[in-house]
């Protein structure tokens, strides 16, 4: 298993390509913009995209999803509470600098505790509301795709539509209490470790 981060869009969201190297299959987590760049990476590395997994519905994490689904046939998943956010009528709000966008087909909804297989890998879903009601964290082996729930020594904003400080506190507590350690791939900026965040993140309940 290998994870490639491709920063995309004006907010430099981390699009994560989670790769089963034996099967040459991958899941694309949060393709936030620049579909050609993501698709070029797949082609150059001989990868077949099977899944598009959206950790939440904010525009900077979804904009390339329609084109990638159309071009690759990958199946798209998002939590039902955020599903309205990827409709063109919502995602097309004026004021964002973005590429053309059409509503993608949703193949399934992420649910807490759900397991999604892909080739030799399995993604386990944790619904972690706080940044948005449908925010999710995806666990795959010893890796965590954290979206905008957990960052290096920080966490996602709770002052946007649907955000909740109390929900975020409870979600971070659930993450803190996971057994063992995880390498964390956040939705923006640098990779971190759960062991580091338990000690150094001021937003993580003690």
N, C-alpha and C. Protein backbone atom coordinates (compact mmCIF):
# COMPACT_ATOMS: atom_id res chain seq x y z
N UNK A 1 0.84 -1.19 0.00
CA UNK A 1 0.00 0.00 0.00
C UNK A 1 0.88 1.24 0.00
N UNK A 2 0.46 2.23 -0.79
CA UNK A 2 1.18 3.50 -0.85
C UNK A 2 0.17 4.62 -0.99
N UNK A 3 0.46 5.78 -0.41
CA UNK A 3 -0.41 6.93 -0.52
C UNK A 3 0.37 8.09 -1.12
N UNK A 4 -0.16 8.61 -2.21
CA UNK A 4 0.44 9.76 -2.88
C UNK A 4 -0.44 10.97 -2.67
N UNK A 5 0.15 12.05 -2.14
CA UNK A 5 -0.58 13.30 -1.96
C UNK A 5 -0.36 14.18 -3.18
N UNK A 6 -1.48 14.70 -3.73
CA UNK A 6 -1.42 15.65 -4.83
C UNK A 6 -2.15 16.91 -4.37
N UNK A 7 -1.42 17.97 -3.99
CA UNK A 7 -2.10 19.21 -3.58
C UNK A 7 -2.82 19.84 -4.78
N UNK A 8 -4.08 20.22 -4.58
CA UNK A 8 -4.87 20.74 -5.69
C UNK A 8 -5.69 21.95 -5.25
N UNK A 9 -5.96 22.82 -6.22
CA UNK A 9 -6.89 23.92 -6.01
C UNK A 9 -6.29 25.11 -5.29
N UNK A 10 -7.10 26.17 -5.22
CA UNK A 10 -6.61 27.43 -4.67
C UNK A 10 -6.39 27.35 -3.17
N UNK A 11 -6.99 26.36 -2.50
CA UNK A 11 -6.78 26.18 -1.06
C UNK A 11 -5.81 25.04 -0.76
N UNK A 12 -5.15 24.52 -1.80
CA UNK A 12 -4.14 23.47 -1.66
C UNK A 12 -4.64 22.30 -0.83
N UNK A 13 -5.80 21.78 -1.22
CA UNK A 13 -6.32 20.59 -0.55
C UNK A 13 -5.48 19.38 -0.92
N UNK A 14 -5.33 18.46 0.02
CA UNK A 14 -4.57 17.24 -0.23
C UNK A 14 -5.48 16.19 -0.86
N UNK A 15 -5.37 16.01 -2.17
CA UNK A 15 -5.98 14.86 -2.82
C UNK A 15 -5.06 13.67 -2.58
N UNK A 16 -5.58 12.61 -1.97
CA UNK A 16 -4.77 11.44 -1.63
C UNK A 16 -5.14 10.28 -2.53
N UNK A 17 -4.14 9.73 -3.22
CA UNK A 17 -4.33 8.55 -4.04
C UNK A 17 -3.82 7.36 -3.23
N UNK A 18 -4.73 6.49 -2.82
CA UNK A 18 -4.39 5.34 -1.99
C UNK A 18 -4.27 4.13 -2.91
N UNK A 19 -3.08 3.56 -2.96
CA UNK A 19 -2.72 2.62 -4.03
C UNK A 19 -2.47 1.23 -3.47
N UNK A 20 -3.11 0.23 -4.07
CA UNK A 20 -2.74 -1.17 -3.90
C UNK A 20 -1.77 -1.48 -5.03
N UNK A 21 -0.48 -1.55 -4.71
CA UNK A 21 0.54 -1.65 -5.75
C UNK A 21 0.50 -2.98 -6.47
N UNK A 22 0.08 -4.05 -5.79
CA UNK A 22 0.01 -5.36 -6.45
C UNK A 22 -1.07 -5.37 -7.52
N UNK A 23 -2.22 -4.79 -7.20
CA UNK A 23 -3.36 -4.79 -8.13
C UNK A 23 -3.33 -3.61 -9.10
N UNK A 24 -2.45 -2.63 -8.85
CA UNK A 24 -2.43 -1.40 -9.64
C UNK A 24 -3.80 -0.71 -9.62
N UNK A 25 -4.47 -0.81 -8.46
CA UNK A 25 -5.77 -0.18 -8.26
C UNK A 25 -5.62 0.91 -7.22
N UNK A 26 -6.53 1.89 -7.26
CA UNK A 26 -6.42 2.98 -6.30
C UNK A 26 -7.78 3.55 -5.95
N UNK A 27 -7.81 4.19 -4.80
CA UNK A 27 -8.93 5.03 -4.39
C UNK A 27 -8.44 6.46 -4.36
N UNK A 28 -9.27 7.37 -4.85
CA UNK A 28 -8.92 8.79 -4.85
C UNK A 28 -9.76 9.47 -3.78
N UNK A 29 -9.08 10.00 -2.78
CA UNK A 29 -9.76 10.64 -1.65
C UNK A 29 -9.66 12.15 -1.81
N UNK A 30 -10.80 12.80 -1.88
CA UNK A 30 -10.91 14.26 -1.97
C UNK A 30 -10.22 14.87 -3.19
N UNK A 31 -10.70 14.52 -4.39
CA UNK A 31 -10.17 15.17 -5.60
C UNK A 31 -10.75 16.57 -5.73
N UNK A 32 -10.08 17.54 -5.13
CA UNK A 32 -10.66 18.87 -4.95
C UNK A 32 -10.59 19.80 -6.13
N UNK A 33 -9.76 19.51 -7.12
CA UNK A 33 -9.62 20.38 -8.30
C UNK A 33 -8.63 19.70 -9.24
N UNK A 34 -8.50 20.30 -10.43
CA UNK A 34 -7.46 19.91 -11.40
C UNK A 34 -7.53 18.43 -11.76
N UNK A 35 -8.67 18.04 -12.30
CA UNK A 35 -8.83 16.65 -12.73
C UNK A 35 -7.73 16.20 -13.70
N UNK A 36 -7.30 17.02 -14.68
CA UNK A 36 -6.25 16.56 -15.59
C UNK A 36 -4.96 16.15 -14.86
N UNK A 37 -4.60 16.90 -13.85
CA UNK A 37 -3.37 16.56 -13.11
C UNK A 37 -3.51 15.21 -12.40
N UNK A 38 -4.66 14.98 -11.80
CA UNK A 38 -4.89 13.71 -11.10
C UNK A 38 -4.93 12.56 -12.10
N UNK A 39 -5.64 12.75 -13.20
CA UNK A 39 -5.74 11.70 -14.21
C UNK A 39 -4.39 11.42 -14.86
N UNK A 40 -3.58 12.44 -15.07
CA UNK A 40 -2.23 12.24 -15.62
C UNK A 40 -1.39 11.38 -14.67
N UNK A 41 -1.54 11.62 -13.37
CA UNK A 41 -0.78 10.81 -12.41
C UNK A 41 -1.19 9.34 -12.52
N UNK A 42 -2.49 9.08 -12.64
CA UNK A 42 -2.95 7.70 -12.77
C UNK A 42 -2.38 7.06 -14.03
N UNK A 43 -2.44 7.78 -15.15
CA UNK A 43 -1.96 7.23 -16.41
C UNK A 43 -0.46 6.96 -16.37
N UNK A 44 0.30 7.90 -15.82
CA UNK A 44 1.75 7.75 -15.78
C UNK A 44 2.19 6.58 -14.91
N UNK A 45 1.34 6.21 -13.94
CA UNK A 45 1.70 5.13 -13.03
C UNK A 45 0.90 3.85 -13.28
N UNK A 46 0.13 3.84 -14.37
CA UNK A 46 -0.59 2.64 -14.74
C UNK A 46 -1.63 2.21 -13.72
N UNK A 47 -2.33 3.19 -13.12
CA UNK A 47 -3.27 2.91 -12.04
C UNK A 47 -4.71 2.94 -12.53
N UNK A 48 -5.51 2.06 -11.96
CA UNK A 48 -6.94 1.99 -12.25
C UNK A 48 -7.70 2.53 -11.03
N UNK A 49 -8.46 3.61 -11.21
CA UNK A 49 -9.22 4.20 -10.11
C UNK A 49 -10.52 3.42 -9.93
N UNK A 50 -10.72 2.86 -8.74
CA UNK A 50 -11.93 2.10 -8.45
C UNK A 50 -12.90 2.87 -7.57
N UNK A 51 -12.38 3.77 -6.72
CA UNK A 51 -13.22 4.50 -5.78
C UNK A 51 -12.86 5.98 -5.78
N UNK A 52 -13.86 6.83 -5.59
CA UNK A 52 -13.67 8.22 -5.23
C UNK A 52 -14.38 8.41 -3.89
N UNK A 53 -13.62 8.72 -2.86
CA UNK A 53 -14.15 8.84 -1.50
C UNK A 53 -14.02 10.30 -1.06
N UNK A 54 -15.15 10.90 -0.69
CA UNK A 54 -15.18 12.30 -0.29
C UNK A 54 -15.34 12.38 1.22
N UNK A 55 -14.36 12.95 1.90
CA UNK A 55 -14.43 13.04 3.36
C UNK A 55 -15.48 14.03 3.83
N UNK A 56 -15.82 14.99 2.98
CA UNK A 56 -16.92 15.93 3.25
C UNK A 56 -17.22 16.68 1.95
N UNK A 57 -18.21 17.58 2.01
CA UNK A 57 -18.72 18.15 0.78
C UNK A 57 -18.24 19.53 0.39
N UNK A 58 -17.27 20.11 1.08
CA UNK A 58 -16.81 21.46 0.73
C UNK A 58 -16.15 21.46 -0.65
N UNK A 59 -16.33 22.59 -1.35
CA UNK A 59 -15.94 22.66 -2.76
C UNK A 59 -14.48 22.32 -3.00
N UNK A 60 -13.60 22.67 -2.06
CA UNK A 60 -12.18 22.46 -2.29
C UNK A 60 -11.78 20.99 -2.17
N UNK A 61 -12.74 20.12 -1.87
CA UNK A 61 -12.47 18.68 -1.79
C UNK A 61 -13.23 17.87 -2.84
N UNK A 62 -14.04 18.52 -3.67
CA UNK A 62 -14.93 17.76 -4.55
C UNK A 62 -14.86 18.14 -6.02
N UNK A 63 -14.23 19.25 -6.38
CA UNK A 63 -14.45 19.84 -7.70
C UNK A 63 -14.05 18.94 -8.87
N UNK A 64 -13.03 18.10 -8.69
CA UNK A 64 -12.59 17.23 -9.78
C UNK A 64 -13.33 15.90 -9.79
N UNK A 65 -14.17 15.65 -8.80
CA UNK A 65 -14.82 14.34 -8.69
C UNK A 65 -15.68 13.99 -9.91
N UNK A 66 -16.51 14.90 -10.43
CA UNK A 66 -17.34 14.52 -11.58
C UNK A 66 -16.53 14.05 -12.78
N UNK A 67 -15.46 14.76 -13.10
CA UNK A 67 -14.65 14.40 -14.26
C UNK A 67 -13.93 13.08 -14.03
N UNK A 68 -13.43 12.85 -12.83
CA UNK A 68 -12.72 11.61 -12.55
C UNK A 68 -13.67 10.42 -12.61
N UNK A 69 -14.88 10.57 -12.04
CA UNK A 69 -15.87 9.50 -12.12
C UNK A 69 -16.23 9.22 -13.58
N UNK A 70 -16.43 10.27 -14.35
CA UNK A 70 -16.81 10.11 -15.76
C UNK A 70 -15.72 9.42 -16.56
N UNK A 71 -14.47 9.80 -16.31
CA UNK A 71 -13.35 9.29 -17.11
C UNK A 71 -12.90 7.89 -16.68
N UNK A 72 -13.07 7.54 -15.42
CA UNK A 72 -12.51 6.28 -14.92
C UNK A 72 -13.57 5.23 -14.60
N UNK A 73 -14.82 5.64 -14.40
CA UNK A 73 -15.83 4.69 -13.95
C UNK A 73 -15.75 4.36 -12.47
N UNK A 74 -14.93 5.09 -11.72
CA UNK A 74 -14.82 4.85 -10.28
C UNK A 74 -16.15 5.12 -9.60
N UNK A 75 -16.40 4.44 -8.48
CA UNK A 75 -17.63 4.61 -7.71
C UNK A 75 -17.40 5.67 -6.63
N UNK A 76 -18.35 6.60 -6.54
CA UNK A 76 -18.21 7.74 -5.64
C UNK A 76 -19.05 7.54 -4.38
N UNK A 77 -18.43 7.85 -3.23
CA UNK A 77 -19.10 7.76 -1.94
C UNK A 77 -18.93 9.05 -1.16
N UNK A 78 -20.00 9.45 -0.46
CA UNK A 78 -19.97 10.58 0.46
C UNK A 78 -21.02 10.30 1.54
N UNK A 79 -20.88 10.92 2.70
CA UNK A 79 -21.88 10.76 3.75
C UNK A 79 -23.17 11.48 3.32
N UNK A 80 -24.30 10.88 3.64
CA UNK A 80 -25.59 11.42 3.21
C UNK A 80 -25.81 12.84 3.73
N UNK A 81 -25.30 13.16 4.93
CA UNK A 81 -25.52 14.49 5.50
C UNK A 81 -24.84 15.59 4.69
N UNK A 82 -23.83 15.23 3.89
CA UNK A 82 -23.13 16.22 3.05
C UNK A 82 -23.47 16.07 1.58
N UNK A 83 -24.34 15.12 1.24
CA UNK A 83 -24.58 14.82 -0.18
C UNK A 83 -25.12 16.02 -0.95
N UNK A 84 -25.93 16.86 -0.29
CA UNK A 84 -26.49 18.02 -1.00
C UNK A 84 -25.40 18.99 -1.43
N UNK A 85 -24.25 18.95 -0.79
CA UNK A 85 -23.18 19.91 -1.07
C UNK A 85 -22.48 19.64 -2.39
N UNK A 86 -22.64 18.43 -2.94
CA UNK A 86 -21.97 18.14 -4.21
C UNK A 86 -22.93 18.27 -5.40
N UNK A 87 -24.14 18.72 -5.13
CA UNK A 87 -25.05 19.05 -6.22
C UNK A 87 -24.62 20.37 -6.86
N UNK A 88 -24.75 20.47 -8.17
CA UNK A 88 -24.30 21.68 -8.86
C UNK A 88 -25.01 22.92 -8.34
N UNK A 89 -26.26 22.79 -7.94
CA UNK A 89 -27.01 23.94 -7.46
C UNK A 89 -26.42 24.51 -6.18
N UNK A 90 -25.72 23.66 -5.41
CA UNK A 90 -25.07 24.11 -4.17
C UNK A 90 -23.60 24.44 -4.44
N UNK A 91 -22.92 23.53 -5.10
CA UNK A 91 -21.48 23.72 -5.34
C UNK A 91 -21.20 24.87 -6.29
N UNK A 92 -22.22 25.30 -7.04
CA UNK A 92 -22.03 26.36 -8.01
C UNK A 92 -22.24 27.76 -7.47
N UNK A 93 -22.20 27.93 -6.13
CA UNK A 93 -22.34 29.26 -5.55
C UNK A 93 -21.35 30.24 -6.18
N UNK A 94 -21.81 31.43 -6.45
CA UNK A 94 -20.91 32.48 -6.96
C UNK A 94 -19.89 32.85 -5.89
N UNK A 95 -18.72 33.30 -6.34
CA UNK A 95 -17.71 33.78 -5.40
C UNK A 95 -16.53 32.86 -5.26
N UNK A 96 -16.66 31.61 -5.74
CA UNK A 96 -15.53 30.68 -5.71
C UNK A 96 -14.82 30.72 -7.05
N UNK A 97 -13.49 30.63 -7.02
CA UNK A 97 -12.71 30.49 -8.25
C UNK A 97 -12.56 28.99 -8.47
N UNK A 98 -13.11 28.48 -9.55
CA UNK A 98 -13.15 27.04 -9.70
C UNK A 98 -13.27 26.65 -11.17
N UNK A 99 -13.12 25.35 -11.42
CA UNK A 99 -13.25 24.81 -12.76
C UNK A 99 -14.71 24.43 -13.02
N UNK A 100 -15.10 24.17 -14.27
CA UNK A 100 -16.48 23.76 -14.55
C UNK A 100 -16.87 22.54 -13.74
N UNK A 101 -18.14 22.47 -13.38
CA UNK A 101 -18.58 21.42 -12.45
C UNK A 101 -20.00 20.98 -12.80
N UNK A 102 -20.20 19.67 -12.80
CA UNK A 102 -21.52 19.08 -12.95
C UNK A 102 -21.74 18.09 -11.81
N UNK A 103 -22.98 17.93 -11.40
CA UNK A 103 -23.28 17.03 -10.29
C UNK A 103 -22.86 15.60 -10.63
N UNK A 104 -22.01 14.98 -9.81
CA UNK A 104 -21.61 13.59 -10.08
C UNK A 104 -22.67 12.61 -9.56
N UNK A 105 -22.65 11.41 -10.10
CA UNK A 105 -23.52 10.35 -9.59
C UNK A 105 -22.95 9.79 -8.29
N UNK A 106 -23.78 9.67 -7.28
CA UNK A 106 -23.37 9.06 -6.01
C UNK A 106 -23.71 7.58 -6.07
N UNK A 107 -22.71 6.73 -5.90
CA UNK A 107 -22.91 5.29 -5.96
C UNK A 107 -23.29 4.71 -4.60
N UNK A 108 -22.90 5.39 -3.53
CA UNK A 108 -23.21 4.89 -2.20
C UNK A 108 -22.90 5.94 -1.15
N UNK A 109 -23.41 5.72 0.05
CA UNK A 109 -23.25 6.68 1.14
C UNK A 109 -22.36 6.10 2.24
N UNK A 110 -21.41 6.91 2.68
CA UNK A 110 -20.56 6.52 3.80
C UNK A 110 -21.38 6.49 5.08
N UNK A 111 -21.18 5.46 5.88
CA UNK A 111 -21.85 5.33 7.16
C UNK A 111 -20.83 4.93 8.21
N UNK A 112 -21.06 5.39 9.43
CA UNK A 112 -20.14 5.09 10.52
C UNK A 112 -20.00 3.57 10.69
N UNK A 113 -18.76 3.09 10.72
CA UNK A 113 -18.49 1.67 10.88
C UNK A 113 -18.49 0.88 9.59
N UNK A 114 -18.87 1.50 8.50
CA UNK A 114 -18.92 0.82 7.20
C UNK A 114 -17.51 0.44 6.75
N UNK A 115 -17.40 -0.72 6.10
CA UNK A 115 -16.14 -1.14 5.51
C UNK A 115 -16.28 -1.21 3.99
N UNK A 116 -15.35 -0.59 3.29
CA UNK A 116 -15.39 -0.52 1.83
C UNK A 116 -14.14 -1.22 1.30
N UNK A 117 -14.30 -2.38 0.64
CA UNK A 117 -13.13 -3.08 0.11
C UNK A 117 -12.70 -2.50 -1.23
N UNK A 118 -11.39 -2.56 -1.49
CA UNK A 118 -10.85 -2.20 -2.80
C UNK A 118 -9.59 -3.01 -3.03
N UNK A 119 -9.65 -3.90 -4.02
CA UNK A 119 -8.52 -4.80 -4.28
C UNK A 119 -8.13 -5.48 -2.96
N UNK A 120 -6.89 -5.31 -2.51
CA UNK A 120 -6.47 -5.94 -1.26
C UNK A 120 -6.58 -5.05 -0.04
N UNK A 121 -7.22 -3.89 -0.18
CA UNK A 121 -7.33 -2.92 0.91
C UNK A 121 -8.77 -2.81 1.39
N UNK A 122 -8.92 -2.33 2.62
CA UNK A 122 -10.25 -2.07 3.16
C UNK A 122 -10.24 -0.72 3.86
N UNK A 123 -11.22 0.12 3.55
CA UNK A 123 -11.40 1.41 4.21
C UNK A 123 -12.52 1.28 5.24
N UNK A 124 -12.23 1.69 6.46
CA UNK A 124 -13.23 1.71 7.52
C UNK A 124 -13.63 3.16 7.78
N UNK A 125 -14.93 3.42 7.80
CA UNK A 125 -15.46 4.77 7.89
C UNK A 125 -15.76 5.14 9.34
N UNK A 126 -15.30 6.33 9.74
CA UNK A 126 -15.73 6.96 10.98
C UNK A 126 -16.42 8.26 10.62
N UNK A 127 -17.69 8.40 10.99
CA UNK A 127 -18.36 9.69 10.82
C UNK A 127 -17.90 10.60 11.95
N UNK A 128 -17.29 11.72 11.59
CA UNK A 128 -16.68 12.63 12.57
C UNK A 128 -17.22 14.04 12.36
N UNK A 129 -18.49 14.27 12.70
CA UNK A 129 -19.07 15.60 12.50
C UNK A 129 -18.37 16.65 13.34
N UNK A 130 -18.51 17.88 12.89
CA UNK A 130 -17.86 19.02 13.56
C UNK A 130 -17.50 20.08 12.54
N UNK A 131 -16.72 19.69 11.54
CA UNK A 131 -16.42 20.61 10.42
C UNK A 131 -17.65 20.73 9.53
N UNK A 132 -18.25 19.60 9.21
CA UNK A 132 -19.56 19.51 8.58
C UNK A 132 -20.29 18.34 9.24
N UNK A 133 -21.62 18.25 9.10
CA UNK A 133 -22.33 17.12 9.70
C UNK A 133 -21.91 15.77 9.13
N UNK A 134 -21.54 15.75 7.85
CA UNK A 134 -21.19 14.49 7.21
C UNK A 134 -19.70 14.24 7.10
N UNK A 135 -18.88 15.01 7.80
CA UNK A 135 -17.44 14.78 7.75
C UNK A 135 -17.10 13.36 8.19
N UNK A 136 -16.17 12.75 7.49
CA UNK A 136 -15.75 11.39 7.81
C UNK A 136 -14.22 11.29 7.80
N UNK A 137 -13.73 10.36 8.59
CA UNK A 137 -12.34 9.94 8.59
C UNK A 137 -12.33 8.52 8.05
N UNK A 138 -11.35 8.21 7.21
CA UNK A 138 -11.22 6.88 6.61
C UNK A 138 -9.96 6.22 7.14
N UNK A 139 -10.11 5.02 7.68
CA UNK A 139 -8.98 4.25 8.20
C UNK A 139 -8.66 3.14 7.21
N UNK A 140 -7.38 3.00 6.90
CA UNK A 140 -6.94 1.94 6.00
C UNK A 140 -5.59 1.43 6.51
N UNK A 141 -5.60 0.25 7.11
CA UNK A 141 -4.40 -0.24 7.76
C UNK A 141 -4.00 0.68 8.88
N UNK A 142 -2.76 1.13 8.87
CA UNK A 142 -2.27 2.05 9.90
C UNK A 142 -2.30 3.50 9.42
N UNK A 143 -3.13 3.78 8.43
CA UNK A 143 -3.22 5.11 7.85
C UNK A 143 -4.61 5.69 8.08
N UNK A 144 -4.68 7.00 8.26
CA UNK A 144 -5.92 7.72 8.47
C UNK A 144 -6.02 8.86 7.47
N UNK A 145 -7.07 8.82 6.65
CA UNK A 145 -7.38 9.93 5.75
C UNK A 145 -8.36 10.81 6.49
N UNK A 146 -7.90 11.95 7.00
CA UNK A 146 -8.63 12.70 8.03
C UNK A 146 -9.47 13.84 7.49
N UNK A 147 -9.41 14.12 6.19
CA UNK A 147 -10.18 15.24 5.66
C UNK A 147 -9.88 16.51 6.44
N UNK A 148 -10.93 17.28 6.74
CA UNK A 148 -10.74 18.51 7.50
C UNK A 148 -11.18 18.35 8.96
N UNK A 149 -11.16 17.11 9.45
CA UNK A 149 -11.45 16.89 10.87
C UNK A 149 -10.22 17.17 11.71
N UNK A 150 -9.07 16.62 11.32
CA UNK A 150 -7.87 16.70 12.14
C UNK A 150 -6.68 17.12 11.28
N UNK A 151 -5.97 18.15 11.74
CA UNK A 151 -4.75 18.62 11.10
C UNK A 151 -3.57 18.49 12.06
N UNK A 152 -2.39 18.77 11.55
CA UNK A 152 -1.21 18.83 12.39
C UNK A 152 -1.41 19.90 13.46
N UNK A 153 -1.56 19.46 14.72
CA UNK A 153 -1.72 20.33 15.89
C UNK A 153 -2.88 21.31 15.74
N UNK A 154 -3.90 20.90 14.99
CA UNK A 154 -5.08 21.74 14.82
C UNK A 154 -6.26 20.86 14.42
N UNK A 155 -7.39 21.50 14.12
CA UNK A 155 -8.56 20.77 13.64
C UNK A 155 -9.32 21.67 12.67
N UNK A 156 -10.35 21.14 12.04
CA UNK A 156 -11.11 21.89 11.06
C UNK A 156 -11.96 22.98 11.69
N UNK A 157 -12.28 23.96 10.89
CA UNK A 157 -13.15 25.06 11.35
C UNK A 157 -14.53 24.53 11.71
N UNK A 158 -15.13 25.17 12.70
CA UNK A 158 -16.48 24.78 13.11
C UNK A 158 -17.46 25.94 12.94
N UNK A 159 -17.01 27.05 12.32
CA UNK A 159 -17.85 28.23 12.19
C UNK A 159 -18.49 28.35 10.81
N UNK A 160 -18.36 27.33 9.98
CA UNK A 160 -19.01 27.33 8.68
C UNK A 160 -20.37 26.65 8.79
N UNK A 161 -21.15 26.71 7.73
CA UNK A 161 -22.49 26.12 7.74
C UNK A 161 -22.45 24.66 8.20
N UNK A 162 -23.25 24.34 9.21
CA UNK A 162 -23.32 22.97 9.70
C UNK A 162 -22.24 22.59 10.68
N UNK A 163 -21.30 23.50 10.96
CA UNK A 163 -20.23 23.19 11.89
C UNK A 163 -20.70 23.21 13.33
N UNK A 164 -20.00 22.48 14.20
CA UNK A 164 -20.38 22.39 15.60
C UNK A 164 -19.14 22.13 16.45
N UNK A 165 -18.86 23.03 17.39
CA UNK A 165 -17.70 22.86 18.27
C UNK A 165 -17.87 21.63 19.15
N UNK A 166 -19.07 21.39 19.64
CA UNK A 166 -19.29 20.23 20.51
C UNK A 166 -19.15 18.92 19.72
N UNK A 167 -19.70 18.90 18.51
CA UNK A 167 -19.52 17.71 17.68
C UNK A 167 -18.05 17.46 17.38
N UNK A 168 -17.31 18.53 17.10
CA UNK A 168 -15.89 18.37 16.82
C UNK A 168 -15.16 17.82 18.04
N UNK A 169 -15.49 18.30 19.21
CA UNK A 169 -14.84 17.80 20.43
C UNK A 169 -15.09 16.30 20.59
N UNK A 170 -16.33 15.88 20.37
CA UNK A 170 -16.66 14.46 20.49
C UNK A 170 -15.96 13.63 19.42
N UNK A 171 -15.86 14.17 18.21
CA UNK A 171 -15.19 13.45 17.13
C UNK A 171 -13.69 13.30 17.42
N UNK A 172 -13.07 14.37 17.90
CA UNK A 172 -11.65 14.29 18.23
C UNK A 172 -11.41 13.34 19.39
N UNK A 173 -12.34 13.27 20.31
CA UNK A 173 -12.22 12.31 21.42
C UNK A 173 -12.26 10.88 20.90
N UNK A 174 -13.17 10.61 19.96
CA UNK A 174 -13.24 9.26 19.36
C UNK A 174 -11.93 8.91 18.68
N UNK A 175 -11.38 9.87 17.94
CA UNK A 175 -10.10 9.62 17.25
C UNK A 175 -9.00 9.39 18.27
N UNK A 176 -8.95 10.23 19.30
CA UNK A 176 -7.93 10.08 20.36
C UNK A 176 -7.96 8.69 20.96
N UNK A 177 -9.15 8.14 21.15
CA UNK A 177 -9.31 6.88 21.86
C UNK A 177 -9.15 5.64 20.98
N UNK A 178 -8.84 5.84 19.70
CA UNK A 178 -8.55 4.68 18.87
C UNK A 178 -7.33 3.94 19.40
N UNK A 179 -7.34 2.63 19.37
CA UNK A 179 -6.15 1.90 19.83
C UNK A 179 -4.99 2.08 18.85
N UNK A 180 -3.79 2.05 19.39
CA UNK A 180 -2.61 2.10 18.54
C UNK A 180 -2.32 3.48 17.99
N UNK A 181 -1.58 3.50 16.89
CA UNK A 181 -1.16 4.75 16.28
C UNK A 181 -1.52 4.73 14.80
N UNK A 182 -1.66 5.90 14.23
CA UNK A 182 -1.96 6.04 12.80
C UNK A 182 -1.10 7.15 12.21
N UNK A 183 -0.70 6.96 10.96
CA UNK A 183 -0.17 8.06 10.17
C UNK A 183 -1.35 8.81 9.58
N UNK A 184 -1.40 10.12 9.82
CA UNK A 184 -2.57 10.92 9.48
C UNK A 184 -2.28 11.77 8.25
N UNK A 185 -3.15 11.62 7.25
CA UNK A 185 -3.09 12.42 6.03
C UNK A 185 -4.24 13.40 6.09
N UNK A 186 -3.98 14.64 6.52
CA UNK A 186 -5.07 15.62 6.66
C UNK A 186 -5.48 16.20 5.31
N UNK A 187 -6.60 16.92 5.33
CA UNK A 187 -7.11 17.52 4.10
C UNK A 187 -6.30 18.69 3.59
N UNK A 188 -5.43 19.24 4.43
CA UNK A 188 -4.54 20.33 4.06
C UNK A 188 -3.24 20.20 4.85
N UNK A 189 -2.17 20.64 4.25
CA UNK A 189 -0.87 20.76 4.91
C UNK A 189 -0.27 19.41 5.25
N UNK A 190 0.47 19.32 6.36
CA UNK A 190 1.46 18.25 6.54
C UNK A 190 0.89 16.98 7.18
N UNK A 191 1.53 15.86 6.82
CA UNK A 191 1.25 14.57 7.45
C UNK A 191 1.67 14.64 8.92
N UNK A 192 0.95 13.90 9.77
CA UNK A 192 1.30 13.83 11.18
C UNK A 192 1.01 12.43 11.70
N UNK A 193 1.19 12.23 12.99
CA UNK A 193 0.92 10.94 13.63
C UNK A 193 -0.10 11.15 14.75
N UNK A 194 -0.95 10.17 14.96
CA UNK A 194 -1.93 10.28 16.04
C UNK A 194 -1.24 10.37 17.39
N UNK A 195 -0.13 9.66 17.56
CA UNK A 195 0.61 9.74 18.82
C UNK A 195 1.08 11.17 19.09
N UNK A 196 1.46 11.88 18.06
CA UNK A 196 1.88 13.28 18.21
C UNK A 196 0.68 14.15 18.58
N UNK A 197 -0.44 13.93 17.90
CA UNK A 197 -1.61 14.77 18.13
C UNK A 197 -2.19 14.57 19.53
N UNK A 198 -2.13 13.36 20.05
CA UNK A 198 -2.63 13.11 21.40
C UNK A 198 -1.90 13.97 22.43
N UNK A 199 -0.64 14.28 22.16
CA UNK A 199 0.18 15.04 23.11
C UNK A 199 0.18 16.52 22.80
N UNK A 200 0.27 16.87 21.51
CA UNK A 200 0.59 18.25 21.13
C UNK A 200 -0.57 19.04 20.54
N UNK A 201 -1.69 18.41 20.26
CA UNK A 201 -2.80 19.14 19.63
C UNK A 201 -3.67 19.77 20.70
N UNK A 202 -3.73 21.10 20.75
CA UNK A 202 -4.50 21.76 21.81
C UNK A 202 -6.01 21.54 21.70
N UNK A 203 -6.49 21.09 20.55
CA UNK A 203 -7.92 20.84 20.36
C UNK A 203 -8.32 19.42 20.72
N UNK A 204 -7.34 18.55 20.90
CA UNK A 204 -7.62 17.16 21.21
C UNK A 204 -7.99 17.06 22.70
N UNK A 205 -9.20 16.54 23.04
CA UNK A 205 -9.55 16.41 24.46
C UNK A 205 -8.51 15.58 25.19
N UNK A 206 -8.19 16.01 26.40
CA UNK A 206 -7.17 15.31 27.21
C UNK A 206 -7.82 14.34 28.17
